[in-house]
Amino acid sequence: MTLVNKARSIGGYGFQCGLVAAIFTSTRCGLQRYRRKDDLVNALVAGAVAGATVAAGTRNLKQVVGTTCLVSAFSTAADYFRTM
């Protein structure tokens, strides 16, 4: 793998991480504003939306569901431990 290919790969992963973060943050803040509550439900739903959005490109239902659950669980755990 050449240096240019490695740079493209790193750039692609960086873009995906940024996309997940942007979707998660905007969804979580929107839910918090809409519900007028700051609780774990916001992080749970925002993680599910971010995971499903990114995994939807695979067009494989098992991957979409798995990624949705994984991102939702990690984001909820991170939000929970942030408030401790």
C-alpha atoms as a PDB file:
ATOM      1  CA  MET A   1       0.000   0.000   0.000  1.00  0.00           C
ATOM      2  CA  THR A   2       1.506   3.281  -1.057  1.00  0.00           C
ATOM      3  CA  LEU A   3       1.594   6.421   1.011  1.00  0.00           C
ATOM      4  CA  VAL A   4      -1.096   8.042  -1.133  1.00  0.00           C
ATOM      5  CA  ASN A   5      -3.446   5.089  -0.630  1.00  0.00           C
ATOM      6  CA  LYS A   6      -2.839   5.179   3.119  1.00  0.00           C
ATOM      7  CA  ALA A   7      -3.605   8.894   3.202  1.00  0.00           C
ATOM      8  CA  ARG A   8      -6.846   8.319   1.289  1.00  0.00           C
ATOM      9  CA  SER A   9      -7.818   5.523   3.645  1.00  0.00           C
ATOM     10  CA  ILE A  10      -7.130   7.665   6.698  1.00  0.00           C
ATOM     11  CA  GLY A  11      -9.075  10.529   5.140  1.00  0.00           C
ATOM     12  CA  GLY A  12     -12.028   8.255   4.468  1.00  0.00           C
ATOM     13  CA  TYR A  13     -12.119   6.988   8.040  1.00  0.00           C
ATOM     14  CA  GLY A  14     -11.750  10.519   9.350  1.00  0.00           C
ATOM     15  CA  PHE A  15     -14.669  11.664   7.223  1.00  0.00           C
ATOM     16  CA  GLN A  16     -16.848   8.795   8.469  1.00  0.00           C
ATOM     17  CA  CYS A  17     -16.006   9.555  12.099  1.00  0.00           C
ATOM     18  CA  GLY A  18     -16.768  13.229  11.545  1.00  0.00           C
ATOM     19  CA  LEU A  19     -20.055  12.349   9.865  1.00  0.00           C
ATOM     20  CA  VAL A  20     -21.123  10.128  12.766  1.00  0.00           C
ATOM     21  CA  ALA A  21     -20.147  12.825  15.261  1.00  0.00           C
ATOM     22  CA  ALA A  22     -22.028  15.535  13.372  1.00  0.00           C
ATOM     23  CA  ILE A  23     -25.196  13.455  13.028  1.00  0.00           C
ATOM     24  CA  PHE A  24     -25.032  12.357  16.658  1.00  0.00           C
ATOM     25  CA  THR A  25     -24.459  15.844  18.016  1.00  0.00           C
ATOM     26  CA  SER A  26     -27.122  17.549  15.942  1.00  0.00           C
ATOM     27  CA  THR A  27     -29.689  14.838  16.715  1.00  0.00           C
ATOM     28  CA  ARG A  28     -28.908  14.825  20.433  1.00  0.00           C
ATOM     29  CA  CYS A  29     -29.098  18.607  20.727  1.00  0.00           C
ATOM     30  CA  GLY A  30     -32.295  18.719  18.685  1.00  0.00           C
ATOM     31  CA  LEU A  31     -33.926  16.079  20.874  1.00  0.00           C
ATOM     32  CA  GLN A  32     -32.793  17.858  24.023  1.00  0.00           C
ATOM     33  CA  ARG A  33     -34.316  21.095  22.786  1.00  0.00           C
ATOM     34  CA  TYR A  34     -37.529  19.386  21.647  1.00  0.00           C
ATOM     35  CA  ARG A  35     -38.036  17.278  24.792  1.00  0.00           C
ATOM     36  CA  ARG A  36     -36.693  19.926  27.188  1.00  0.00           C
ATOM     37  CA  LYS A  37     -34.873  17.143  29.041  1.00  0.00           C
ATOM     38  CA  ASP A  38     -31.207  16.204  29.309  1.00  0.00           C
ATOM     39  CA  ASP A  39     -31.251  12.452  29.871  1.00  0.00           C
ATOM     40  CA  LEU A  40     -29.931   9.219  28.413  1.00  0.00           C
ATOM     41  CA  VAL A  41     -32.844   8.841  25.984  1.00  0.00           C
ATOM     42  CA  ASN A  42     -31.422  11.654  23.874  1.00  0.00           C
ATOM     43  CA  ALA A  43     -28.071   9.867  23.538  1.00  0.00           C
ATOM     44  CA  LEU A  44     -29.760   6.519  22.894  1.00  0.00           C
ATOM     45  CA  VAL A  45     -31.896   7.831  20.032  1.00  0.00           C
ATOM     46  CA  ALA A  46     -29.123  10.015  18.599  1.00  0.00           C
ATOM     47  CA  GLY A  47     -26.729   7.051  18.570  1.00  0.00           C
ATOM     48  CA  ALA A  48     -29.313   4.922  16.807  1.00  0.00           C
ATOM     49  CA  VAL A  49     -29.899   7.596  14.172  1.00  0.00           C
ATOM     50  CA  ALA A  50     -26.173   8.132  13.599  1.00  0.00           C
ATOM     51  CA  GLY A  51     -25.444   4.413  13.370  1.00  0.00           C
ATOM     52  CA  ALA A  52     -28.339   3.734  11.015  1.00  0.00           C
ATOM     53  CA  THR A  53     -27.431   6.661   8.771  1.00  0.00           C
ATOM     54  CA  VAL A  54     -23.844   5.556   8.320  1.00  0.00           C
ATOM     55  CA  ALA A  55     -24.672   1.855   7.920  1.00  0.00           C
ATOM     56  CA  ALA A  56     -27.490   2.510   5.440  1.00  0.00           C
ATOM     57  CA  GLY A  57     -24.887   2.741   2.683  1.00  0.00           C
ATOM     58  CA  THR A  58     -24.212  -0.984   3.007  1.00  0.00           C
ATOM     59  CA  ARG A  59     -27.833  -1.843   2.113  1.00  0.00           C
ATOM     60  CA  ASN A  60     -27.536  -4.912   4.332  1.00  0.00           C
ATOM     61  CA  LEU A  61     -30.235  -5.028   7.008  1.00  0.00           C
ATOM     62  CA  LYS A  62     -28.114  -7.081   9.421  1.00  0.00           C
ATOM     63  CA  GLN A  63     -25.274  -4.558   9.242  1.00  0.00           C
ATOM     64  CA  VAL A  64     -27.644  -1.618   9.646  1.00  0.00           C
ATOM     65  CA  VAL A  65     -29.280  -3.134  12.733  1.00  0.00           C
ATOM     66  CA  GLY A  66     -25.936  -4.188  14.211  1.00  0.00           C
ATOM     67  CA  THR A  67     -24.300  -0.814  13.664  1.00  0.00           C
ATOM     68  CA  THR A  68     -27.369   0.980  14.979  1.00  0.00           C
ATOM     69  CA  CYS A  69     -27.326  -1.029  18.199  1.00  0.00           C
ATOM     70  CA  LEU A  70     -23.565  -0.741  18.622  1.00  0.00           C
ATOM     71  CA  VAL A  71     -23.348   3.019  18.109  1.00  0.00           C
ATOM     72  CA  SER A  72     -26.434   3.574  20.253  1.00  0.00           C
ATOM     73  CA  ALA A  73     -25.033   1.503  23.127  1.00  0.00           C
ATOM     74  CA  PHE A  74     -21.611   3.160  23.021  1.00  0.00           C
ATOM     75  CA  SER A  75     -23.035   6.666  22.799  1.00  0.00           C
ATOM     76  CA  THR A  76     -25.426   6.038  25.680  1.00  0.00           C
ATOM     77  CA  ALA A  77     -22.610   4.618  27.814  1.00  0.00           C
ATOM     78  CA  ALA A  78     -20.351   7.554  26.978  1.00  0.00           C
ATOM     79  CA  ASP A  79     -23.101  10.014  27.826  1.00  0.00           C
ATOM     80  CA  TYR A  80     -23.840   8.217  31.094  1.00  0.00           C
ATOM     81  CA  PHE A  81     -20.223   8.183  32.236  1.00  0.00           C
ATOM     82  CA  ARG A  82     -19.761  11.823  31.148  1.00  0.00           C
ATOM     83  CA  THR A  83     -22.350  12.913  33.713  1.00  0.00           C
ATOM     84  CA  MET A  84     -20.779  10.994  36.596  1.00  0.00           C
END
